[in-house]
Amino acid sequence: MTDNTTEKQKMLAGLIYDANNDPDLIQERLRCKERCYDYNQLRPSEVEQQQQLIRQLFGKTQTHFSLVAPFWCDYGYNIEIGENFYANHNCVILDGAKVTFGDNVFIAPDCGFYTAGHPLDVERRNRGLEYAYPITVGDNVWFGGGVKVMPGVTIGSNSVIAAGSIVTTDIPDNVLAAGVPCRVIRPITEQDHHRT
């Protein structure tokens, strides 16, 4: 990166950047929050208007998706959702970096996906500096209520993240994971097809 590198370029490159003193990033967040506000004021029956706003907000959508208000994000353009995406009430996506969801992802209420973090050293943190690392979610993933996914995490396809988990490291395909911090509990097997 050069001395002329913008704060947005630093953000998207995973470098330390200043989100609070950059007029462009401030304006982009404000525009995004205004759209989220508009979305959250729509009546539940106004499905067409909801979908139109999300299509304007997100970087990529598919044909079928549903986000139950309220929903909040930082920029919107860094969010990509696959087919048959569902997010229940109070989903928050801090998308300073790319957040990608595969097909058939189900998100219970009060879940958060946070690409943003702050330096551990107090001097840089107090200056408002931060970083953003991407989050990637595979296909057929179910998040229980209150799950929080931290910066830089990848979650494999066909996995279930149990309610209340805080995901700080990658989770492989085809597992049940739970806890604080979240860890693999066991594989999902053929026997799970017969359980409720």
N, C-alpha and C. Protein backbone atom coordinates (compact mmCIF):
# COMPACT_ATOMS: atom_id res chain seq x y z
N MET A 1 0.84 -1.19 0.00
CA MET A 1 0.00 0.00 0.00
C MET A 1 0.89 1.25 0.00
N THR A 2 0.39 2.30 -0.62
CA THR A 2 1.14 3.54 -0.72
C THR A 2 0.61 4.55 0.29
N ASP A 3 1.27 5.70 0.35
CA ASP A 3 0.81 6.78 1.23
C ASP A 3 -0.55 7.31 0.80
N ASN A 4 -0.92 7.08 -0.47
CA ASN A 4 -2.20 7.55 -0.99
C ASN A 4 -3.33 6.54 -0.79
N THR A 5 -3.04 5.45 -0.12
CA THR A 5 -4.05 4.43 0.10
C THR A 5 -5.17 5.00 0.96
N THR A 6 -6.39 4.81 0.52
CA THR A 6 -7.54 5.33 1.28
C THR A 6 -7.84 4.42 2.47
N GLU A 7 -8.58 4.95 3.41
CA GLU A 7 -8.99 4.14 4.57
C GLU A 7 -9.87 2.98 4.11
N LYS A 8 -10.70 3.19 3.12
CA LYS A 8 -11.55 2.11 2.60
C LYS A 8 -10.70 1.01 1.99
N GLN A 9 -9.67 1.38 1.22
CA GLN A 9 -8.78 0.37 0.65
C GLN A 9 -8.08 -0.43 1.75
N LYS A 10 -7.66 0.26 2.81
CA LYS A 10 -7.04 -0.44 3.94
C LYS A 10 -8.05 -1.39 4.58
N MET A 11 -9.27 -0.92 4.78
CA MET A 11 -10.33 -1.74 5.38
C MET A 11 -10.53 -3.02 4.59
N LEU A 12 -10.67 -2.88 3.27
CA LEU A 12 -10.96 -4.03 2.42
C LEU A 12 -9.75 -4.95 2.28
N ALA A 13 -8.56 -4.45 2.57
CA ALA A 13 -7.33 -5.26 2.50
C ALA A 13 -7.00 -5.94 3.83
N GLY A 14 -7.80 -5.72 4.87
CA GLY A 14 -7.54 -6.33 6.16
C GLY A 14 -6.46 -5.65 6.96
N LEU A 15 -6.18 -4.39 6.65
CA LEU A 15 -5.17 -3.62 7.37
C LEU A 15 -5.83 -2.75 8.44
N ILE A 16 -5.04 -2.24 9.36
CA ILE A 16 -5.54 -1.28 10.34
C ILE A 16 -5.98 -0.02 9.59
N TYR A 17 -7.16 0.48 9.92
CA TYR A 17 -7.69 1.67 9.25
C TYR A 17 -8.45 2.53 10.24
N ASP A 18 -8.75 3.75 9.83
CA ASP A 18 -9.46 4.70 10.67
C ASP A 18 -10.86 4.91 10.10
N ALA A 19 -11.84 4.29 10.74
CA ALA A 19 -13.23 4.36 10.26
C ALA A 19 -13.95 5.61 10.73
N ASN A 20 -13.43 6.24 11.79
CA ASN A 20 -14.17 7.33 12.43
C ASN A 20 -13.77 8.72 11.95
N ASN A 21 -12.68 8.82 11.21
CA ASN A 21 -12.24 10.13 10.73
C ASN A 21 -12.13 10.18 9.21
N ASP A 22 -12.72 9.21 8.55
CA ASP A 22 -12.70 9.17 7.09
C ASP A 22 -14.08 9.55 6.57
N PRO A 23 -14.20 10.69 5.91
CA PRO A 23 -15.53 11.17 5.47
C PRO A 23 -16.26 10.19 4.56
N ASP A 24 -15.53 9.49 3.70
CA ASP A 24 -16.18 8.55 2.78
C ASP A 24 -16.79 7.37 3.53
N LEU A 25 -16.04 6.79 4.46
CA LEU A 25 -16.58 5.66 5.23
C LEU A 25 -17.72 6.10 6.14
N ILE A 26 -17.61 7.28 6.72
CA ILE A 26 -18.70 7.80 7.55
C ILE A 26 -19.96 7.96 6.72
N GLN A 27 -19.82 8.49 5.52
CA GLN A 27 -20.98 8.68 4.64
C GLN A 27 -21.57 7.35 4.20
N GLU A 28 -20.72 6.38 3.89
CA GLU A 28 -21.21 5.07 3.48
C GLU A 28 -21.98 4.39 4.61
N ARG A 29 -21.46 4.49 5.83
CA ARG A 29 -22.17 3.90 6.97
C ARG A 29 -23.49 4.61 7.22
N LEU A 30 -23.50 5.92 7.12
CA LEU A 30 -24.74 6.67 7.32
C LEU A 30 -25.79 6.27 6.29
N ARG A 31 -25.37 6.18 5.03
CA ARG A 31 -26.30 5.78 3.97
C ARG A 31 -26.85 4.36 4.26
N CYS A 32 -25.99 3.46 4.70
CA CYS A 32 -26.41 2.10 5.02
C CYS A 32 -27.39 2.09 6.19
N LYS A 33 -27.07 2.85 7.26
CA LYS A 33 -27.96 2.89 8.43
C LYS A 33 -29.32 3.47 8.07
N GLU A 34 -29.34 4.45 7.17
CA GLU A 34 -30.63 5.01 6.72
C GLU A 34 -31.46 3.94 6.02
N ARG A 35 -30.81 3.14 5.18
CA ARG A 35 -31.55 2.06 4.49
C ARG A 35 -32.01 0.99 5.48
N CYS A 36 -31.16 0.66 6.44
CA CYS A 36 -31.59 -0.30 7.48
C CYS A 36 -32.77 0.25 8.25
N TYR A 37 -32.72 1.53 8.59
CA TYR A 37 -33.84 2.16 9.30
C TYR A 37 -35.11 2.05 8.46
N ASP A 38 -35.03 2.39 7.19
CA ASP A 38 -36.19 2.28 6.30
C ASP A 38 -36.72 0.85 6.28
N TYR A 39 -35.81 -0.10 6.17
CA TYR A 39 -36.20 -1.51 6.15
C TYR A 39 -36.94 -1.88 7.43
N ASN A 40 -36.42 -1.46 8.55
CA ASN A 40 -36.99 -1.83 9.84
C ASN A 40 -38.33 -1.16 10.12
N GLN A 41 -38.67 -0.13 9.36
CA GLN A 41 -39.96 0.55 9.54
C GLN A 41 -41.07 -0.05 8.66
N LEU A 42 -40.70 -0.92 7.72
CA LEU A 42 -41.72 -1.52 6.85
C LEU A 42 -42.61 -2.47 7.64
N ARG A 43 -43.85 -2.56 7.21
CA ARG A 43 -44.78 -3.51 7.82
C ARG A 43 -44.38 -4.92 7.42
N PRO A 44 -44.63 -5.93 8.26
CA PRO A 44 -44.27 -7.31 7.91
C PRO A 44 -44.88 -7.78 6.59
N SER A 45 -46.02 -7.24 6.23
CA SER A 45 -46.69 -7.64 4.98
C SER A 45 -46.05 -7.01 3.74
N GLU A 46 -45.16 -6.04 3.90
CA GLU A 46 -44.56 -5.34 2.76
C GLU A 46 -43.31 -6.08 2.27
N VAL A 47 -43.51 -7.31 1.89
CA VAL A 47 -42.41 -8.20 1.52
C VAL A 47 -41.68 -7.70 0.28
N GLU A 48 -42.40 -7.24 -0.71
CA GLU A 48 -41.75 -6.77 -1.94
C GLU A 48 -40.83 -5.58 -1.68
N GLN A 49 -41.29 -4.64 -0.85
CA GLN A 49 -40.46 -3.49 -0.51
C GLN A 49 -39.23 -3.92 0.30
N GLN A 50 -39.43 -4.88 1.21
CA GLN A 50 -38.30 -5.40 1.99
C GLN A 50 -37.24 -6.00 1.08
N GLN A 51 -37.68 -6.83 0.15
CA GLN A 51 -36.72 -7.48 -0.74
C GLN A 51 -36.00 -6.46 -1.63
N GLN A 52 -36.73 -5.45 -2.07
CA GLN A 52 -36.12 -4.42 -2.91
C GLN A 52 -35.02 -3.68 -2.15
N LEU A 53 -35.29 -3.33 -0.89
CA LEU A 53 -34.27 -2.63 -0.10
C LEU A 53 -33.04 -3.50 0.13
N ILE A 54 -33.25 -4.77 0.45
CA ILE A 54 -32.11 -5.65 0.68
C ILE A 54 -31.30 -5.82 -0.60
N ARG A 55 -31.95 -5.94 -1.73
CA ARG A 55 -31.24 -6.07 -3.01
C ARG A 55 -30.40 -4.82 -3.29
N GLN A 56 -30.91 -3.65 -2.91
CA GLN A 56 -30.14 -2.41 -3.07
C GLN A 56 -28.97 -2.33 -2.10
N LEU A 57 -29.15 -2.91 -0.93
CA LEU A 57 -28.18 -2.80 0.14
C LEU A 57 -27.03 -3.80 0.01
N PHE A 58 -27.35 -5.06 -0.25
CA PHE A 58 -26.35 -6.13 -0.24
C PHE A 58 -25.56 -6.18 -1.54
N GLY A 59 -24.35 -6.72 -1.44
CA GLY A 59 -23.52 -6.89 -2.61
C GLY A 59 -24.04 -7.95 -3.55
N LYS A 60 -24.68 -8.99 -3.00
CA LYS A 60 -25.19 -10.08 -3.83
C LYS A 60 -26.33 -10.78 -3.09
N THR A 61 -27.42 -11.02 -3.82
CA THR A 61 -28.54 -11.80 -3.30
C THR A 61 -28.94 -12.83 -4.34
N GLN A 62 -29.75 -13.78 -3.91
CA GLN A 62 -30.33 -14.76 -4.82
C GLN A 62 -31.84 -14.51 -4.90
N THR A 63 -32.59 -15.49 -5.38
CA THR A 63 -34.02 -15.30 -5.61
C THR A 63 -34.82 -15.30 -4.32
N HIS A 64 -34.57 -16.26 -3.44
CA HIS A 64 -35.38 -16.41 -2.22
C HIS A 64 -34.54 -16.10 -0.98
N PHE A 65 -35.00 -15.13 -0.20
CA PHE A 65 -34.36 -14.80 1.07
C PHE A 65 -35.36 -14.07 1.95
N SER A 66 -35.08 -14.07 3.25
CA SER A 66 -35.94 -13.38 4.20
C SER A 66 -35.12 -12.95 5.40
N LEU A 67 -35.25 -11.67 5.77
CA LEU A 67 -34.63 -11.14 6.98
C LEU A 67 -35.74 -10.50 7.80
N VAL A 68 -35.94 -10.99 9.00
CA VAL A 68 -37.00 -10.46 9.86
C VAL A 68 -36.46 -9.25 10.61
N ALA A 69 -37.16 -8.13 10.49
CA ALA A 69 -36.73 -6.90 11.16
C ALA A 69 -36.80 -7.06 12.68
N PRO A 70 -35.95 -6.34 13.41
CA PRO A 70 -34.96 -5.41 12.91
C PRO A 70 -33.68 -6.10 12.45
N PHE A 71 -33.05 -5.49 11.46
CA PHE A 71 -31.78 -5.94 10.91
C PHE A 71 -30.87 -4.73 10.79
N TRP A 72 -29.57 -4.91 11.11
CA TRP A 72 -28.61 -3.82 10.99
C TRP A 72 -27.31 -4.32 10.38
N CYS A 73 -26.69 -3.47 9.58
CA CYS A 73 -25.34 -3.73 9.08
C CYS A 73 -24.61 -2.41 8.92
N ASP A 74 -23.30 -2.47 8.63
CA ASP A 74 -22.49 -1.26 8.53
C ASP A 74 -22.41 -0.66 7.14
N TYR A 75 -22.20 -1.51 6.14
CA TYR A 75 -22.02 -1.02 4.77
C TYR A 75 -22.99 -1.69 3.79
N GLY A 76 -23.27 -2.94 4.00
CA GLY A 76 -24.20 -3.66 3.14
C GLY A 76 -23.56 -4.26 1.91
N TYR A 77 -22.73 -3.49 1.21
CA TYR A 77 -22.16 -3.97 -0.06
C TYR A 77 -21.18 -5.12 0.13
N ASN A 78 -20.71 -5.35 1.35
CA ASN A 78 -19.81 -6.47 1.61
C ASN A 78 -20.54 -7.75 1.99
N ILE A 79 -21.86 -7.76 1.95
CA ILE A 79 -22.65 -8.93 2.33
C ILE A 79 -23.15 -9.64 1.09
N GLU A 80 -22.89 -10.96 1.03
CA GLU A 80 -23.39 -11.79 -0.06
C GLU A 80 -24.15 -12.97 0.54
N ILE A 81 -25.39 -13.17 0.07
CA ILE A 81 -26.20 -14.27 0.60
C ILE A 81 -26.57 -15.23 -0.52
N GLY A 82 -26.60 -16.52 -0.17
CA GLY A 82 -26.97 -17.55 -1.13
C GLY A 82 -28.48 -17.73 -1.19
N GLU A 83 -28.89 -18.71 -1.94
CA GLU A 83 -30.31 -19.02 -2.11
C GLU A 83 -30.90 -19.54 -0.80
N ASN A 84 -32.15 -19.16 -0.55
CA ASN A 84 -32.91 -19.66 0.60
C ASN A 84 -32.25 -19.23 1.92
N PHE A 85 -31.84 -17.99 2.00
CA PHE A 85 -31.23 -17.41 3.21
C PHE A 85 -32.33 -16.92 4.13
N TYR A 86 -32.20 -17.19 5.43
CA TYR A 86 -33.18 -16.72 6.41
C TYR A 86 -32.47 -16.22 7.66
N ALA A 87 -32.79 -14.99 8.07
CA ALA A 87 -32.27 -14.43 9.32
C ALA A 87 -33.44 -13.93 10.15
N ASN A 88 -33.55 -14.40 11.38
CA ASN A 88 -34.62 -14.00 12.28
C ASN A 88 -34.29 -12.65 12.93
N HIS A 89 -35.17 -12.19 13.84
CA HIS A 89 -35.06 -10.87 14.47
C HIS A 89 -33.66 -10.58 15.01
N ASN A 90 -33.28 -9.30 14.91
CA ASN A 90 -32.08 -8.76 15.57
C ASN A 90 -30.77 -9.33 15.04
N CYS A 91 -30.71 -9.59 13.76
CA CYS A 91 -29.44 -9.99 13.15
C CYS A 91 -28.61 -8.72 12.91
N VAL A 92 -27.33 -8.78 13.29
CA VAL A 92 -26.39 -7.67 13.08
C VAL A 92 -25.19 -8.20 12.32
N ILE A 93 -24.86 -7.54 11.20
CA ILE A 93 -23.69 -7.91 10.42
C ILE A 93 -22.80 -6.68 10.29
N LEU A 94 -21.64 -6.70 10.95
CA LEU A 94 -20.67 -5.61 10.83
C LEU A 94 -19.73 -5.98 9.70
N ASP A 95 -20.02 -5.44 8.52
CA ASP A 95 -19.38 -5.91 7.29
C ASP A 95 -18.31 -4.97 6.76
N GLY A 96 -17.35 -4.63 7.59
CA GLY A 96 -16.20 -3.90 7.09
C GLY A 96 -15.41 -4.73 6.09
N ALA A 97 -15.43 -6.04 6.28
CA ALA A 97 -14.87 -6.99 5.31
C ALA A 97 -16.03 -7.82 4.75
N LYS A 98 -15.73 -8.62 3.77
CA LYS A 98 -16.75 -9.44 3.11
C LYS A 98 -17.34 -10.45 4.10
N VAL A 99 -18.68 -10.58 4.07
CA VAL A 99 -19.40 -11.62 4.81
C VAL A 99 -20.20 -12.40 3.78
N THR A 100 -19.84 -13.67 3.60
CA THR A 100 -20.44 -14.49 2.55
C THR A 100 -21.18 -15.67 3.18
N PHE A 101 -22.45 -15.81 2.81
CA PHE A 101 -23.28 -16.93 3.28
C PHE A 101 -23.63 -17.81 2.09
N GLY A 102 -23.52 -19.13 2.24
CA GLY A 102 -23.90 -20.05 1.20
C GLY A 102 -25.41 -20.21 1.10
N ASP A 103 -25.84 -21.26 0.43
CA ASP A 103 -27.26 -21.56 0.28
C ASP A 103 -27.81 -22.21 1.54
N ASN A 104 -29.11 -21.99 1.78
CA ASN A 104 -29.83 -22.65 2.88
C ASN A 104 -29.21 -22.38 4.24
N VAL A 105 -28.88 -21.14 4.49
CA VAL A 105 -28.36 -20.73 5.80
C VAL A 105 -29.53 -20.20 6.62
N PHE A 106 -29.67 -20.71 7.85
CA PHE A 106 -30.74 -20.31 8.76
C PHE A 106 -30.13 -19.70 10.01
N ILE A 107 -30.57 -18.50 10.35
CA ILE A 107 -30.01 -17.75 11.47
C ILE A 107 -31.13 -17.44 12.45
N ALA A 108 -31.00 -17.92 13.68
CA ALA A 108 -31.99 -17.68 14.73
C ALA A 108 -31.88 -16.24 15.24
N PRO A 109 -32.79 -15.82 16.13
CA PRO A 109 -32.75 -14.43 16.63
C PRO A 109 -31.47 -14.08 17.37
N ASP A 110 -31.15 -12.79 17.35
CA ASP A 110 -30.08 -12.19 18.15
C ASP A 110 -28.68 -12.68 17.79
N CYS A 111 -28.46 -12.99 16.53
CA CYS A 111 -27.13 -13.43 16.10
C CYS A 111 -26.34 -12.25 15.54
N GLY A 112 -25.02 -12.32 15.66
CA GLY A 112 -24.15 -11.27 15.16
C GLY A 112 -22.96 -11.83 14.41
N PHE A 113 -22.60 -11.17 13.33
CA PHE A 113 -21.45 -11.54 12.51
C PHE A 113 -20.56 -10.30 12.42
N TYR A 114 -19.41 -10.35 13.09
CA TYR A 114 -18.60 -9.17 13.31
C TYR A 114 -17.26 -9.30 12.63
N THR A 115 -17.09 -8.65 11.47
CA THR A 115 -15.77 -8.65 10.84
C THR A 115 -14.84 -7.64 11.50
N ALA A 116 -15.39 -6.69 12.22
CA ALA A 116 -14.62 -5.60 12.80
C ALA A 116 -14.03 -5.96 14.15
N GLY A 117 -12.80 -5.53 14.36
CA GLY A 117 -12.14 -5.68 15.65
C GLY A 117 -11.23 -4.48 15.89
N HIS A 118 -10.68 -4.40 17.08
CA HIS A 118 -9.83 -3.27 17.45
C HIS A 118 -8.50 -3.77 18.00
N PRO A 119 -7.43 -3.00 17.84
CA PRO A 119 -6.12 -3.41 18.37
C PRO A 119 -6.17 -3.63 19.88
N LEU A 120 -5.33 -4.53 20.36
CA LEU A 120 -5.25 -4.78 21.80
C LEU A 120 -4.54 -3.64 22.51
N ASP A 121 -3.60 -2.97 21.83
CA ASP A 121 -2.89 -1.89 22.51
C ASP A 121 -3.77 -0.65 22.60
N VAL A 122 -3.76 -0.05 23.78
CA VAL A 122 -4.68 1.03 24.10
C VAL A 122 -4.46 2.28 23.26
N GLU A 123 -3.22 2.56 22.88
CA GLU A 123 -2.95 3.78 22.13
C GLU A 123 -3.67 3.78 20.78
N ARG A 124 -3.52 2.70 20.02
CA ARG A 124 -4.18 2.64 18.71
C ARG A 124 -5.70 2.49 18.86
N ARG A 125 -6.12 1.72 19.85
CA ARG A 125 -7.56 1.54 20.07
C ARG A 125 -8.23 2.87 20.41
N ASN A 126 -7.59 3.66 21.27
CA ASN A 126 -8.16 4.95 21.67
C ASN A 126 -8.16 5.97 20.53
N ARG A 127 -7.34 5.74 19.52
CA ARG A 127 -7.37 6.60 18.33
C ARG A 127 -8.50 6.21 17.39
N GLY A 128 -9.24 5.14 17.73
CA GLY A 128 -10.36 4.71 16.90
C GLY A 128 -9.98 3.80 15.77
N LEU A 129 -8.76 3.28 15.79
CA LEU A 129 -8.33 2.40 14.71
C LEU A 129 -8.97 1.02 14.85
N GLU A 130 -9.18 0.37 13.73
CA GLU A 130 -9.77 -0.97 13.75
C GLU A 130 -9.28 -1.76 12.55
N TYR A 131 -9.69 -3.04 12.50
CA TYR A 131 -9.40 -3.91 11.36
C TYR A 131 -10.68 -4.65 11.01
N ALA A 132 -10.72 -5.27 9.84
CA ALA A 132 -11.86 -6.07 9.43
C ALA A 132 -11.36 -7.29 8.67
N TYR A 133 -11.75 -8.47 9.15
CA TYR A 133 -11.38 -9.73 8.52
C TYR A 133 -12.64 -10.44 8.04
N PRO A 134 -12.63 -11.07 6.87
CA PRO A 134 -13.84 -11.66 6.30
C PRO A 134 -14.39 -12.84 7.10
N ILE A 135 -15.68 -13.04 6.97
CA ILE A 135 -16.38 -14.19 7.53
C ILE A 135 -17.02 -14.95 6.37
N THR A 136 -16.82 -16.27 6.36
CA THR A 136 -17.38 -17.11 5.30
C THR A 136 -18.18 -18.24 5.92
N VAL A 137 -19.41 -18.41 5.44
CA VAL A 137 -20.31 -19.46 5.93
C VAL A 137 -20.69 -20.34 4.75
N GLY A 138 -20.54 -21.65 4.88
CA GLY A 138 -20.86 -22.58 3.81
C GLY A 138 -22.35 -22.76 3.61
N ASP A 139 -22.72 -23.80 2.89
CA ASP A 139 -24.11 -24.13 2.62
C ASP A 139 -24.71 -24.92 3.79
N ASN A 140 -26.04 -24.79 3.95
CA ASN A 140 -26.80 -25.63 4.88
C ASN A 140 -26.34 -25.50 6.32
N VAL A 141 -26.05 -24.28 6.74
CA VAL A 141 -25.59 -24.03 8.12
C VAL A 141 -26.74 -23.43 8.91
N TRP A 142 -26.89 -23.89 10.16
CA TRP A 142 -27.92 -23.39 11.07
C TRP A 142 -27.23 -22.79 12.29
N PHE A 143 -27.58 -21.54 12.59
CA PHE A 143 -27.08 -20.84 13.77
C PHE A 143 -28.20 -20.76 14.79
N GLY A 144 -27.99 -21.29 15.99
CA GLY A 144 -28.96 -21.15 17.06
C GLY A 144 -28.99 -19.72 17.59
N GLY A 145 -29.96 -19.43 18.45
CA GLY A 145 -30.14 -18.08 18.96
C GLY A 145 -28.92 -17.55 19.69
N GLY A 146 -28.64 -16.27 19.46
CA GLY A 146 -27.59 -15.59 20.20
C GLY A 146 -26.17 -15.93 19.82
N VAL A 147 -25.95 -16.58 18.71
CA VAL A 147 -24.59 -16.90 18.27
C VAL A 147 -23.87 -15.64 17.81
N LYS A 148 -22.60 -15.53 18.15
CA LYS A 148 -21.75 -14.43 17.70
C LYS A 148 -20.55 -15.02 16.96
N VAL A 149 -20.32 -14.53 15.74
CA VAL A 149 -19.20 -15.00 14.92
C VAL A 149 -18.19 -13.87 14.80
N MET A 150 -16.94 -14.15 15.15
CA MET A 150 -15.89 -13.15 15.23
C MET A 150 -15.13 -13.00 13.91
N PRO A 151 -14.29 -11.95 13.80
CA PRO A 151 -13.57 -11.67 12.56
C PRO A 151 -12.71 -12.83 12.08
N GLY A 152 -12.73 -13.05 10.76
CA GLY A 152 -11.84 -14.00 10.14
C GLY A 152 -12.26 -15.45 10.19
N VAL A 153 -13.46 -15.75 10.67
CA VAL A 153 -13.90 -17.13 10.86
C VAL A 153 -14.54 -17.68 9.58
N THR A 154 -14.26 -18.96 9.31
CA THR A 154 -14.94 -19.72 8.26
C THR A 154 -15.70 -20.86 8.91
N ILE A 155 -16.96 -21.02 8.52
CA ILE A 155 -17.80 -22.10 9.05
C ILE A 155 -18.17 -23.01 7.89
N GLY A 156 -17.87 -24.30 8.04
CA GLY A 156 -18.07 -25.25 6.97
C GLY A 156 -19.53 -25.59 6.71
N SER A 157 -19.77 -26.20 5.57
CA SER A 157 -21.11 -26.57 5.15
C SER A 157 -21.69 -27.67 6.04
N ASN A 158 -23.02 -27.66 6.14
CA ASN A 158 -23.79 -28.69 6.83
C ASN A 158 -23.56 -28.73 8.33
N SER A 159 -23.04 -27.66 8.89
CA SER A 159 -22.76 -27.63 10.33
C SER A 159 -23.84 -26.86 11.07
N VAL A 160 -23.93 -27.13 12.36
CA VAL A 160 -24.88 -26.46 13.26
C VAL A 160 -24.07 -25.81 14.37
N ILE A 161 -24.34 -24.53 14.61
CA ILE A 161 -23.69 -23.79 15.70
C ILE A 161 -24.76 -23.59 16.77
N ALA A 162 -24.55 -24.20 17.93
CA ALA A 162 -25.56 -24.20 18.99
C ALA A 162 -25.76 -22.80 19.57
N ALA A 163 -26.95 -22.59 20.11
CA ALA A 163 -27.35 -21.31 20.69
C ALA A 163 -26.33 -20.84 21.72
N GLY A 164 -26.08 -19.54 21.72
CA GLY A 164 -25.21 -18.91 22.71
C GLY A 164 -23.72 -19.05 22.44
N SER A 165 -23.34 -19.69 21.36
CA SER A 165 -21.93 -19.90 21.07
C SER A 165 -21.25 -18.62 20.61
N ILE A 166 -19.97 -18.50 20.92
CA ILE A 166 -19.12 -17.43 20.40
C ILE A 166 -18.03 -18.09 19.58
N VAL A 167 -18.09 -17.87 18.26
CA VAL A 167 -17.23 -18.59 17.33
C VAL A 167 -15.99 -17.74 17.05
N THR A 168 -14.84 -18.19 17.53
CA THR A 168 -13.59 -17.44 17.41
C THR A 168 -12.61 -18.10 16.45
N THR A 169 -12.85 -19.37 16.09
CA THR A 169 -11.97 -20.09 15.17
C THR A 169 -12.82 -20.84 14.14
N ASP A 170 -12.17 -21.28 13.08
CA ASP A 170 -12.89 -21.98 12.01
C ASP A 170 -13.57 -23.24 12.52
N ILE A 171 -14.72 -23.55 11.91
CA ILE A 171 -15.48 -24.75 12.22
C ILE A 171 -15.57 -25.57 10.94
N PRO A 172 -15.27 -26.88 10.97
CA PRO A 172 -15.28 -27.68 9.74
C PRO A 172 -16.70 -28.03 9.27
N ASP A 173 -16.78 -28.71 8.15
CA ASP A 173 -18.04 -29.21 7.62
C ASP A 173 -18.63 -30.29 8.53
N ASN A 174 -19.97 -30.42 8.49
CA ASN A 174 -20.67 -31.59 9.02
C ASN A 174 -20.47 -31.84 10.51
N VAL A 175 -20.48 -30.76 11.32
CA VAL A 175 -20.32 -30.95 12.76
C VAL A 175 -21.35 -30.13 13.53
N LEU A 176 -21.59 -30.56 14.76
CA LEU A 176 -22.29 -29.77 15.76
C LEU A 176 -21.22 -29.11 16.60
N ALA A 177 -21.31 -27.78 16.73
CA ALA A 177 -20.31 -27.04 17.51
C ALA A 177 -21.05 -26.16 18.51
N ALA A 178 -20.44 -25.95 19.68
CA ALA A 178 -21.10 -25.18 20.73
C ALA A 178 -20.07 -24.64 21.70
N GLY A 179 -20.48 -23.63 22.46
CA GLY A 179 -19.68 -23.17 23.58
C GLY A 179 -19.07 -21.80 23.42
N VAL A 180 -18.41 -21.40 24.53
CA VAL A 180 -17.71 -20.13 24.60
C VAL A 180 -16.30 -20.43 25.12
N PRO A 181 -15.29 -20.44 24.25
CA PRO A 181 -15.41 -20.28 22.81
C PRO A 181 -16.00 -21.53 22.17
N CYS A 182 -16.55 -21.37 20.98
CA CYS A 182 -17.20 -22.47 20.26
C CYS A 182 -16.16 -23.51 19.86
N ARG A 183 -16.52 -24.78 20.04
CA ARG A 183 -15.65 -25.88 19.63
C ARG A 183 -16.52 -27.01 19.09
N VAL A 184 -15.91 -27.90 18.35
CA VAL A 184 -16.64 -29.03 17.79
C VAL A 184 -17.05 -29.97 18.92
N ILE A 185 -18.35 -30.32 18.95
CA ILE A 185 -18.86 -31.28 19.94
C ILE A 185 -18.81 -32.70 19.37
N ARG A 186 -19.30 -32.84 18.12
CA ARG A 186 -19.30 -34.14 17.48
C ARG A 186 -19.67 -33.99 16.01
N PRO A 187 -19.39 -35.02 15.20
CA PRO A 187 -19.86 -35.00 13.81
C PRO A 187 -21.38 -35.13 13.76
N ILE A 188 -21.97 -34.61 12.71
CA ILE A 188 -23.37 -34.87 12.42
C ILE A 188 -23.39 -36.14 11.57
N THR A 189 -24.18 -37.14 12.02
CA THR A 189 -24.16 -38.46 11.40
C THR A 189 -25.53 -38.83 10.85
N GLU A 190 -25.59 -40.01 10.25
CA GLU A 190 -26.84 -40.55 9.73
C GLU A 190 -27.89 -40.68 10.81
N GLN A 191 -27.48 -40.95 12.05
CA GLN A 191 -28.44 -41.08 13.16
C GLN A 191 -29.20 -39.78 13.40
N ASP A 192 -28.60 -38.65 13.06
CA ASP A 192 -29.27 -37.36 13.26
C ASP A 192 -30.47 -37.18 12.34
N HIS A 193 -30.55 -37.98 11.28
CA HIS A 193 -31.72 -37.90 10.39
C HIS A 193 -32.98 -38.43 11.07
N HIS A 194 -32.82 -39.16 12.17
CA HIS A 194 -33.96 -39.77 12.86
C HIS A 194 -34.28 -39.10 14.19
N ARG A 195 -33.53 -38.04 14.53
CA ARG A 195 -33.76 -37.32 15.78
C ARG A 195 -34.59 -36.08 15.52
N THR A 196 -35.30 -35.62 16.57
CA THR A 196 -36.08 -34.39 16.43
C THR A 196 -35.22 -33.21 16.80
